[in-house]
Amino acid sequence: MSSLPSRLAALALCGCLVSAVHAQADVGTQGQTASTGTSTLESHDDTQAASAAWKASLSALVARFERISTELPEEKQANALEDLAVEARALGERYPNEAELLVWQGIIFASQARAEGGLSALGLAKEAREVLERAVAQDPDGLQGSAYVTLGALYDRAPGWPLAFGDDATAERMFERAVAIRPEGIDVHFYFATFLQEEGRMDDARMHLERAINGQARPSRAATDAALREKASRRLAKLG
C-alpha cells in the first residue's frame, strides 16, 4: 500500500491535471464566444451595408423621378420614365421585401402608365397596383399614405372590368385612407380633388383643392409639392 504522503501527492497531481484541462476548456469556450461575437458583428455590419446600398440607390431614383416629373415637358416624360422603371424593377428584384422601395416602384410604374396612356399602359398599371398592395401589406401606412394616393389614382384612371380593375368606390376609399394618414398632404388633397372633380362633386373638389394649397410640403419632395400647389391654385381659380 502506498504511503499517505504518496497518495496525497498523487491526488494533488490529479487536481493539477484536472485544473489544466478545465483551463484549456475555458480558453476554447472563450475563443468560441469571441468568434461568435465577431460573426454577429460582421453580420450586423453586412446588414447595415446592404441597407445603406439600396437606400442610396433608391434616393438616386427618387431624385431623378423628381426632375423628370417637374422639369421635363409631358411629351418627353414617357421615355425617361421607361428608363427609370427598368432600374426600379431591377432594384426591386435585388431587394424584394423593402416596403419603401415597393411604394416607389408603384409610383414610378403608375407615372409611366399615365405618361404612355392608352390600353398599352394597362400592364404597367396592373404591375403598379401589385407592388403597392405588397407594400401596404408590409407597411400599413404605405410610406405615409403615398401608396394609397397612387392606388386611388390607379383605381380612378384604369378601365373597369373586364379590361382592368378600375373602380370609383375603391378609389375613394384609397384617397380617404391617405387623408387619414397624412391630413396635411398637398399631393393627397390634389389627387383626391382631381377624382372628385371628375365625379362631378365640385364642392368637395374645391374643399380639397383649398387644403392642397394650404397643405404641408414634404422636404424630400419639395419640387413636386410646389408644382402641385400651383396646379391646385390654378384649378381652384377656374372652378370659381
C-alpha atoms as a PDB file:
ATOM      1  CA  MET A   1       0.000   0.000   0.000  1.00  0.00           C
ATOM      2  CA  SER A   2       1.282   3.429  -0.830  1.00  0.00           C
ATOM      3  CA  SER A   3       2.114   5.790   1.975  1.00  0.00           C
ATOM      4  CA  LEU A   4      -0.226   8.674   2.838  1.00  0.00           C
ATOM      5  CA  PRO A   5       2.170  11.334   1.561  1.00  0.00           C
ATOM      6  CA  SER A   6       2.418   9.494  -1.767  1.00  0.00           C
ATOM      7  CA  ARG A   7      -1.352   9.271  -2.082  1.00  0.00           C
ATOM      8  CA  LEU A   8      -1.737  12.990  -1.295  1.00  0.00           C
ATOM      9  CA  ALA A   9       0.887  13.800  -3.885  1.00  0.00           C
ATOM     10  CA  ALA A  10      -0.955  11.702  -6.495  1.00  0.00           C
ATOM     11  CA  LEU A  11      -4.253  13.424  -5.660  1.00  0.00           C
ATOM     12  CA  ALA A  12      -2.586  16.805  -5.908  1.00  0.00           C
ATOM     13  CA  LEU A  13      -1.147  15.851  -9.291  1.00  0.00           C
ATOM     14  CA  CYS A  14      -4.576  14.707 -10.496  1.00  0.00           C
ATOM     15  CA  GLY A  15      -6.040  18.000  -9.297  1.00  0.00           C
ATOM     16  CA  CYS A  16      -3.447  19.929 -11.269  1.00  0.00           C
ATOM     17  CA  LEU A  17      -4.193  17.922 -14.380  1.00  0.00           C
ATOM     18  CA  VAL A  18      -7.946  18.461 -13.974  1.00  0.00           C
ATOM     19  CA  SER A  19      -7.414  22.184 -13.452  1.00  0.00           C
ATOM     20  CA  ALA A  20      -5.289  22.325 -16.561  1.00  0.00           C
ATOM     21  CA  VAL A  21      -7.963  20.538 -18.606  1.00  0.00           C
ATOM     22  CA  HIS A  22     -10.630  22.948 -17.285  1.00  0.00           C
ATOM     23  CA  ALA A  23      -8.410  25.881 -18.103  1.00  0.00           C
ATOM     24  CA  GLN A  24      -7.961  24.645 -21.654  1.00  0.00           C
ATOM     25  CA  ALA A  25     -11.727  24.160 -21.963  1.00  0.00           C
ATOM     26  CA  ASP A  26     -12.352  27.710 -20.708  1.00  0.00           C
ATOM     27  CA  VAL A  27      -9.901  29.079 -23.242  1.00  0.00           C
ATOM     28  CA  GLY A  28     -11.674  27.148 -26.013  1.00  0.00           C
ATOM     29  CA  THR A  29     -15.077  28.394 -24.849  1.00  0.00           C
ATOM     30  CA  GLN A  30     -13.835  31.963 -24.718  1.00  0.00           C
ATOM     31  CA  GLY A  31     -12.469  31.552 -28.222  1.00  0.00           C
ATOM     32  CA  GLN A  32     -15.810  30.264 -29.479  1.00  0.00           C
ATOM     33  CA  THR A  33     -17.642  33.127 -27.745  1.00  0.00           C
ATOM     34  CA  ALA A  34     -15.291  35.682 -29.253  1.00  0.00           C
ATOM     35  CA  SER A  35     -15.698  34.059 -32.668  1.00  0.00           C
ATOM     36  CA  THR A  36     -19.495  34.120 -32.348  1.00  0.00           C
ATOM     37  CA  GLY A  37     -19.399  37.769 -31.278  1.00  0.00           C
ATOM     38  CA  THR A  38     -17.218  38.641 -34.249  1.00  0.00           C
ATOM     39  CA  SER A  39     -19.566  36.811 -36.618  1.00  0.00           C
ATOM     40  CA  THR A  40     -22.559  38.627 -35.154  1.00  0.00           C
ATOM     41  CA  LEU A  41     -20.854  41.976 -35.579  1.00  0.00           C
ATOM     42  CA  GLU A  42     -19.856  41.125 -39.136  1.00  0.00           C
ATOM     43  CA  SER A  43     -23.426  40.047 -39.934  1.00  0.00           C
ATOM     44  CA  HIS A  44     -24.760  43.300 -38.450  1.00  0.00           C
ATOM     45  CA  ASP A  45     -22.261  45.295 -40.471  1.00  0.00           C
ATOM     46  CA  ASP A  46     -23.250  43.414 -43.654  1.00  0.00           C
ATOM     47  CA  THR A  47     -26.938  44.139 -42.976  1.00  0.00           C
ATOM     48  CA  GLN A  48     -26.224  47.820 -42.432  1.00  0.00           C
ATOM     49  CA  ALA A  49     -24.119  47.955 -45.601  1.00  0.00           C
ATOM     50  CA  ALA A  50     -26.879  46.292 -47.643  1.00  0.00           C
ATOM     51  CA  SER A  51     -29.472  48.686 -46.207  1.00  0.00           C
ATOM     52  CA  ALA A  52     -27.287  51.673 -46.998  1.00  0.00           C
ATOM     53  CA  ALA A  53     -26.746  50.368 -50.544  1.00  0.00           C
ATOM     54  CA  TRP A  54     -30.402  50.046 -51.524  1.00  0.00           C
ATOM     55  CA  LYS A  55     -31.354  53.292 -49.796  1.00  0.00           C
ATOM     56  CA  ALA A  56     -28.644  55.156 -51.693  1.00  0.00           C
ATOM     57  CA  SER A  57     -29.825  53.619 -54.966  1.00  0.00           C
ATOM     58  CA  LEU A  58     -33.438  54.477 -54.157  1.00  0.00           C
ATOM     59  CA  SER A  59     -32.512  58.038 -53.235  1.00  0.00           C
ATOM     60  CA  ALA A  60     -30.899  58.472 -56.641  1.00  0.00           C
ATOM     61  CA  LEU A  61     -34.024  57.079 -58.351  1.00  0.00           C
ATOM     62  CA  VAL A  62     -36.276  59.436 -56.397  1.00  0.00           C
ATOM     63  CA  ALA A  63     -34.120  62.440 -57.281  1.00  0.00           C
ATOM     64  CA  ARG A  64     -34.322  61.547 -60.970  1.00  0.00           C
ATOM     65  CA  PHE A  65     -38.071  60.995 -60.728  1.00  0.00           C
ATOM     66  CA  GLU A  66     -38.472  64.451 -59.210  1.00  0.00           C
ATOM     67  CA  ARG A  67     -36.529  66.028 -62.068  1.00  0.00           C
ATOM     68  CA  ILE A  68     -38.485  64.108 -64.717  1.00  0.00           C
ATOM     69  CA  SER A  69     -41.907  64.921 -63.260  1.00  0.00           C
ATOM     70  CA  THR A  70     -41.222  68.592 -62.547  1.00  0.00           C
ATOM     71  CA  GLU A  71     -38.734  69.696 -65.221  1.00  0.00           C
ATOM     72  CA  LEU A  72     -39.384  67.702 -68.390  1.00  0.00           C
ATOM     73  CA  PRO A  73     -42.247  68.545 -70.754  1.00  0.00           C
ATOM     74  CA  GLU A  74     -45.015  65.951 -70.547  1.00  0.00           C
ATOM     75  CA  GLU A  75     -44.352  64.677 -74.076  1.00  0.00           C
ATOM     76  CA  LYS A  76     -40.802  63.725 -73.071  1.00  0.00           C
ATOM     77  CA  GLN A  77     -41.613  62.092 -69.765  1.00  0.00           C
ATOM     78  CA  ALA A  78     -42.686  58.676 -71.079  1.00  0.00           C
ATOM     79  CA  ASN A  79     -39.241  57.692 -72.390  1.00  0.00           C
ATOM     80  CA  ALA A  80     -37.466  58.987 -69.309  1.00  0.00           C
ATOM     81  CA  LEU A  81     -39.881  57.156 -67.019  1.00  0.00           C
ATOM     82  CA  GLU A  82     -39.448  53.970 -69.027  1.00  0.00           C
ATOM     83  CA  ASP A  83     -35.694  54.007 -68.338  1.00  0.00           C
ATOM     84  CA  LEU A  84     -36.341  54.790 -64.682  1.00  0.00           C
ATOM     85  CA  ALA A  85     -38.847  51.924 -64.405  1.00  0.00           C
ATOM     86  CA  VAL A  86     -36.259  49.463 -65.712  1.00  0.00           C
ATOM     87  CA  GLU A  87     -33.871  50.494 -62.944  1.00  0.00           C
ATOM     88  CA  ALA A  88     -36.606  50.447 -60.306  1.00  0.00           C
ATOM     89  CA  ARG A  89     -37.637  46.945 -61.385  1.00  0.00           C
ATOM     90  CA  ALA A  90     -34.042  45.686 -61.172  1.00  0.00           C
ATOM     91  CA  LEU A  91     -33.554  47.239 -57.737  1.00  0.00           C
ATOM     92  CA  GLY A  92     -36.789  45.638 -56.557  1.00  0.00           C
ATOM     93  CA  GLU A  93     -35.585  42.228 -57.707  1.00  0.00           C
ATOM     94  CA  ARG A  94     -32.497  42.625 -55.541  1.00  0.00           C
ATOM     95  CA  TYR A  95     -34.430  43.882 -52.507  1.00  0.00           C
ATOM     96  CA  PRO A  96     -37.959  42.431 -52.838  1.00  0.00           C
ATOM     97  CA  ASN A  97     -39.087  42.948 -49.245  1.00  0.00           C
ATOM     98  CA  GLU A  98     -38.442  46.654 -48.677  1.00  0.00           C
ATOM     99  CA  ALA A  99     -41.796  48.443 -48.348  1.00  0.00           C
ATOM    100  CA  GLU A 100     -40.407  51.889 -49.163  1.00  0.00           C
ATOM    101  CA  LEU A 101     -38.834  50.591 -52.351  1.00  0.00           C
ATOM    102  CA  LEU A 102     -42.087  48.856 -53.314  1.00  0.00           C
ATOM    103  CA  VAL A 103     -44.026  52.100 -52.888  1.00  0.00           C
ATOM    104  CA  TRP A 104     -41.605  53.918 -55.152  1.00  0.00           C
ATOM    105  CA  GLN A 105     -41.785  51.162 -57.735  1.00  0.00           C
ATOM    106  CA  GLY A 106     -45.550  51.610 -57.734  1.00  0.00           C
ATOM    107  CA  ILE A 107     -45.272  55.389 -58.082  1.00  0.00           C
ATOM    108  CA  ILE A 108     -42.829  55.101 -60.988  1.00  0.00           C
ATOM    109  CA  PHE A 109     -44.823  52.389 -62.796  1.00  0.00           C
ATOM    110  CA  ALA A 110     -48.076  54.323 -62.341  1.00  0.00           C
ATOM    111  CA  SER A 111     -46.445  57.516 -63.611  1.00  0.00           C
ATOM    112  CA  GLN A 112     -45.113  55.686 -66.665  1.00  0.00           C
ATOM    113  CA  ALA A 113     -48.582  54.259 -67.324  1.00  0.00           C
ATOM    114  CA  ARG A 114     -50.097  57.749 -67.106  1.00  0.00           C
ATOM    115  CA  ALA A 115     -47.450  59.193 -69.439  1.00  0.00           C
ATOM    116  CA  GLU A 116     -47.904  56.439 -72.036  1.00  0.00           C
ATOM    117  CA  GLY A 117     -51.699  56.284 -71.838  1.00  0.00           C
ATOM    118  CA  GLY A 118     -53.991  54.003 -73.787  1.00  0.00           C
ATOM    119  CA  LEU A 119     -54.578  50.285 -73.458  1.00  0.00           C
ATOM    120  CA  SER A 120     -50.845  49.589 -73.794  1.00  0.00           C
ATOM    121  CA  ALA A 121     -50.378  51.089 -70.318  1.00  0.00           C
ATOM    122  CA  LEU A 122     -52.699  48.594 -68.600  1.00  0.00           C
ATOM    123  CA  GLY A 123     -49.875  46.158 -67.917  1.00  0.00           C
ATOM    124  CA  LEU A 124     -47.927  48.866 -66.131  1.00  0.00           C
ATOM    125  CA  ALA A 125     -50.995  49.904 -64.152  1.00  0.00           C
ATOM    126  CA  LYS A 126     -51.547  46.330 -63.005  1.00  0.00           C
ATOM    127  CA  GLU A 127     -47.878  45.971 -62.076  1.00  0.00           C
ATOM    128  CA  ALA A 128     -48.060  49.221 -60.113  1.00  0.00           C
ATOM    129  CA  ARG A 129     -51.123  48.031 -58.202  1.00  0.00           C
ATOM    130  CA  GLU A 130     -49.474  44.688 -57.399  1.00  0.00           C
ATOM    131  CA  VAL A 131     -46.312  46.191 -55.884  1.00  0.00           C
ATOM    132  CA  LEU A 132     -48.310  48.817 -53.967  1.00  0.00           C
ATOM    133  CA  GLU A 133     -50.521  46.143 -52.449  1.00  0.00           C
ATOM    134  CA  ARG A 134     -47.394  44.254 -51.394  1.00  0.00           C
ATOM    135  CA  ALA A 135     -46.058  47.463 -49.878  1.00  0.00           C
ATOM    136  CA  VAL A 136     -49.113  48.174 -47.732  1.00  0.00           C
ATOM    137  CA  ALA A 137     -49.181  44.545 -46.605  1.00  0.00           C
ATOM    138  CA  GLN A 138     -45.736  45.193 -45.098  1.00  0.00           C
ATOM    139  CA  ASP A 139     -46.267  48.817 -44.076  1.00  0.00           C
ATOM    140  CA  PRO A 140     -49.943  49.630 -43.322  1.00  0.00           C
ATOM    141  CA  ASP A 141     -49.205  53.378 -43.583  1.00  0.00           C
ATOM    142  CA  GLY A 142     -47.873  52.919 -47.105  1.00  0.00           C
ATOM    143  CA  LEU A 143     -44.985  55.377 -46.803  1.00  0.00           C
ATOM    144  CA  GLN A 144     -47.094  57.999 -45.024  1.00  0.00           C
ATOM    145  CA  GLY A 145     -50.058  57.499 -47.301  1.00  0.00           C
ATOM    146  CA  SER A 146     -48.180  57.779 -50.601  1.00  0.00           C
ATOM    147  CA  ALA A 147     -49.108  54.213 -51.575  1.00  0.00           C
ATOM    148  CA  TYR A 148     -52.812  54.954 -51.053  1.00  0.00           C
ATOM    149  CA  VAL A 149     -52.671  58.168 -53.093  1.00  0.00           C
ATOM    150  CA  THR A 150     -51.193  56.236 -56.011  1.00  0.00           C
ATOM    151  CA  LEU A 151     -53.630  53.350 -55.582  1.00  0.00           C
ATOM    152  CA  GLY A 152     -56.503  55.849 -55.565  1.00  0.00           C
ATOM    153  CA  ALA A 153     -55.290  57.372 -58.818  1.00  0.00           C
ATOM    154  CA  LEU A 154     -54.872  53.917 -60.364  1.00  0.00           C
ATOM    155  CA  TYR A 155     -58.374  52.769 -59.431  1.00  0.00           C
ATOM    156  CA  ASP A 156     -59.705  56.091 -60.723  1.00  0.00           C
ATOM    157  CA  ARG A 157     -57.937  56.061 -64.094  1.00  0.00           C
ATOM    158  CA  ALA A 158     -57.902  52.363 -65.009  1.00  0.00           C
ATOM    159  CA  PRO A 159     -60.804  50.955 -67.033  1.00  0.00           C
ATOM    160  CA  GLY A 160     -63.215  48.737 -65.153  1.00  0.00           C
ATOM    161  CA  TRP A 161     -63.824  45.036 -65.542  1.00  0.00           C
ATOM    162  CA  PRO A 162     -63.269  43.118 -67.823  1.00  0.00           C
ATOM    163  CA  LEU A 163     -60.408  45.219 -69.211  1.00  0.00           C
ATOM    164  CA  ALA A 164     -58.847  46.174 -65.887  1.00  0.00           C
ATOM    165  CA  PHE A 165     -59.528  46.879 -62.218  1.00  0.00           C
ATOM    166  CA  GLY A 166     -60.871  50.455 -62.242  1.00  0.00           C
ATOM    167  CA  ASP A 167     -63.430  51.138 -59.529  1.00  0.00           C
ATOM    168  CA  ASP A 168     -64.602  54.536 -58.258  1.00  0.00           C
ATOM    169  CA  ALA A 169     -65.684  53.313 -54.826  1.00  0.00           C
ATOM    170  CA  THR A 170     -62.293  51.698 -54.207  1.00  0.00           C
ATOM    171  CA  ALA A 171     -60.524  54.815 -55.474  1.00  0.00           C
ATOM    172  CA  GLU A 172     -62.391  56.962 -52.967  1.00  0.00           C
ATOM    173  CA  ARG A 173     -61.548  54.588 -50.103  1.00  0.00           C
ATOM    174  CA  MET A 174     -57.870  54.766 -51.050  1.00  0.00           C
ATOM    175  CA  PHE A 175     -57.902  58.579 -51.041  1.00  0.00           C
ATOM    176  CA  GLU A 176     -59.756  58.674 -47.724  1.00  0.00           C
ATOM    177  CA  ARG A 177     -57.170  56.334 -46.232  1.00  0.00           C
ATOM    178  CA  ALA A 178     -54.400  58.642 -47.446  1.00  0.00           C
ATOM    179  CA  VAL A 179     -56.129  61.674 -45.892  1.00  0.00           C
ATOM    180  CA  ALA A 180     -56.429  59.840 -42.571  1.00  0.00           C
ATOM    181  CA  ILE A 181     -52.714  59.050 -42.577  1.00  0.00           C
ATOM    182  CA  ARG A 182     -51.407  62.435 -43.802  1.00  0.00           C
ATOM    183  CA  PRO A 183     -54.177  65.053 -43.467  1.00  0.00           C
ATOM    184  CA  GLU A 184     -51.919  67.957 -44.468  1.00  0.00           C
ATOM    185  CA  GLY A 185     -50.501  66.309 -47.595  1.00  0.00           C
ATOM    186  CA  ILE A 186     -50.561  68.531 -50.679  1.00  0.00           C
ATOM    187  CA  ASP A 187     -50.466  65.541 -53.038  1.00  0.00           C
ATOM    188  CA  VAL A 188     -53.146  63.741 -51.018  1.00  0.00           C
ATOM    189  CA  HIS A 189     -55.673  66.546 -51.454  1.00  0.00           C
ATOM    190  CA  PHE A 190     -54.707  67.468 -55.003  1.00  0.00           C
ATOM    191  CA  TYR A 191     -55.289  63.981 -56.395  1.00  0.00           C
ATOM    192  CA  PHE A 192     -58.400  63.463 -54.273  1.00  0.00           C
ATOM    193  CA  ALA A 193     -59.739  66.759 -55.666  1.00  0.00           C
ATOM    194  CA  THR A 194     -58.967  65.560 -59.194  1.00  0.00           C
ATOM    195  CA  PHE A 195     -61.016  62.420 -58.588  1.00  0.00           C
ATOM    196  CA  LEU A 196     -63.901  64.359 -57.043  1.00  0.00           C
ATOM    197  CA  GLN A 197     -63.965  66.871 -59.889  1.00  0.00           C
ATOM    198  CA  GLU A 198     -64.175  64.034 -62.411  1.00  0.00           C
ATOM    199  CA  GLU A 199     -67.077  62.643 -60.382  1.00  0.00           C
ATOM    200  CA  GLY A 200     -68.873  65.982 -60.641  1.00  0.00           C
ATOM    201  CA  ARG A 201     -68.639  66.679 -56.894  1.00  0.00           C
ATOM    202  CA  MET A 202     -67.445  70.251 -57.253  1.00  0.00           C
ATOM    203  CA  ASP A 203     -67.956  71.455 -53.695  1.00  0.00           C
ATOM    204  CA  ASP A 204     -65.879  68.587 -52.331  1.00  0.00           C
ATOM    205  CA  ALA A 205     -63.278  69.157 -55.039  1.00  0.00           C
ATOM    206  CA  ARG A 206     -62.959  72.841 -54.090  1.00  0.00           C
ATOM    207  CA  MET A 207     -62.540  71.943 -50.428  1.00  0.00           C
ATOM    208  CA  HIS A 208     -59.678  69.541 -51.168  1.00  0.00           C
ATOM    209  CA  LEU A 209     -58.034  71.988 -53.549  1.00  0.00           C
ATOM    210  CA  GLU A 210     -58.035  74.576 -50.770  1.00  0.00           C
ATOM    211  CA  ARG A 211     -56.496  72.040 -48.423  1.00  0.00           C
ATOM    212  CA  ALA A 212     -53.845  71.241 -51.036  1.00  0.00           C
ATOM    213  CA  ILE A 213     -52.987  74.937 -51.394  1.00  0.00           C
ATOM    214  CA  ASN A 214     -52.658  75.281 -47.620  1.00  0.00           C
ATOM    215  CA  GLY A 215     -51.029  71.880 -47.113  1.00  0.00           C
ATOM    216  CA  GLN A 216     -47.596  70.954 -45.839  1.00  0.00           C
ATOM    217  CA  ALA A 217     -44.822  70.225 -48.328  1.00  0.00           C
ATOM    218  CA  ARG A 218     -42.580  67.207 -47.861  1.00  0.00           C
ATOM    219  CA  PRO A 219     -38.895  68.146 -47.511  1.00  0.00           C
ATOM    220  CA  SER A 220     -37.844  65.211 -49.694  1.00  0.00           C
ATOM    221  CA  ARG A 221     -40.322  66.163 -52.444  1.00  0.00           C
ATOM    222  CA  ALA A 222     -40.426  69.921 -52.232  1.00  0.00           C
ATOM    223  CA  ALA A 223     -40.355  70.461 -56.005  1.00  0.00           C
ATOM    224  CA  THR A 224     -43.280  68.107 -56.627  1.00  0.00           C
ATOM    225  CA  ASP A 225     -45.356  69.620 -53.845  1.00  0.00           C
ATOM    226  CA  ALA A 226     -44.641  73.160 -55.032  1.00  0.00           C
ATOM    227  CA  ALA A 227     -45.798  72.216 -58.534  1.00  0.00           C
ATOM    228  CA  LEU A 228     -48.959  70.554 -57.179  1.00  0.00           C
ATOM    229  CA  ARG A 229     -49.731  73.579 -55.001  1.00  0.00           C
ATOM    230  CA  GLU A 230     -49.504  75.809 -58.080  1.00  0.00           C
ATOM    231  CA  LYS A 231     -51.729  73.468 -60.096  1.00  0.00           C
ATOM    232  CA  ALA A 232     -54.252  73.431 -57.265  1.00  0.00           C
ATOM    233  CA  SER A 233     -54.361  77.232 -57.226  1.00  0.00           C
ATOM    234  CA  ARG A 234     -54.946  77.432 -60.981  1.00  0.00           C
ATOM    235  CA  ARG A 235     -57.623  74.740 -60.891  1.00  0.00           C
ATOM    236  CA  LEU A 236     -59.440  76.338 -57.974  1.00  0.00           C
ATOM    237  CA  ALA A 237     -59.460  79.678 -59.807  1.00  0.00           C
ATOM    238  CA  LYS A 238     -61.076  78.001 -62.829  1.00  0.00           C
ATOM    239  CA  LEU A 239     -63.721  76.322 -60.685  1.00  0.00           C
ATOM    240  CA  GLY A 240     -64.544  79.645 -59.055  1.00  0.00           C
END
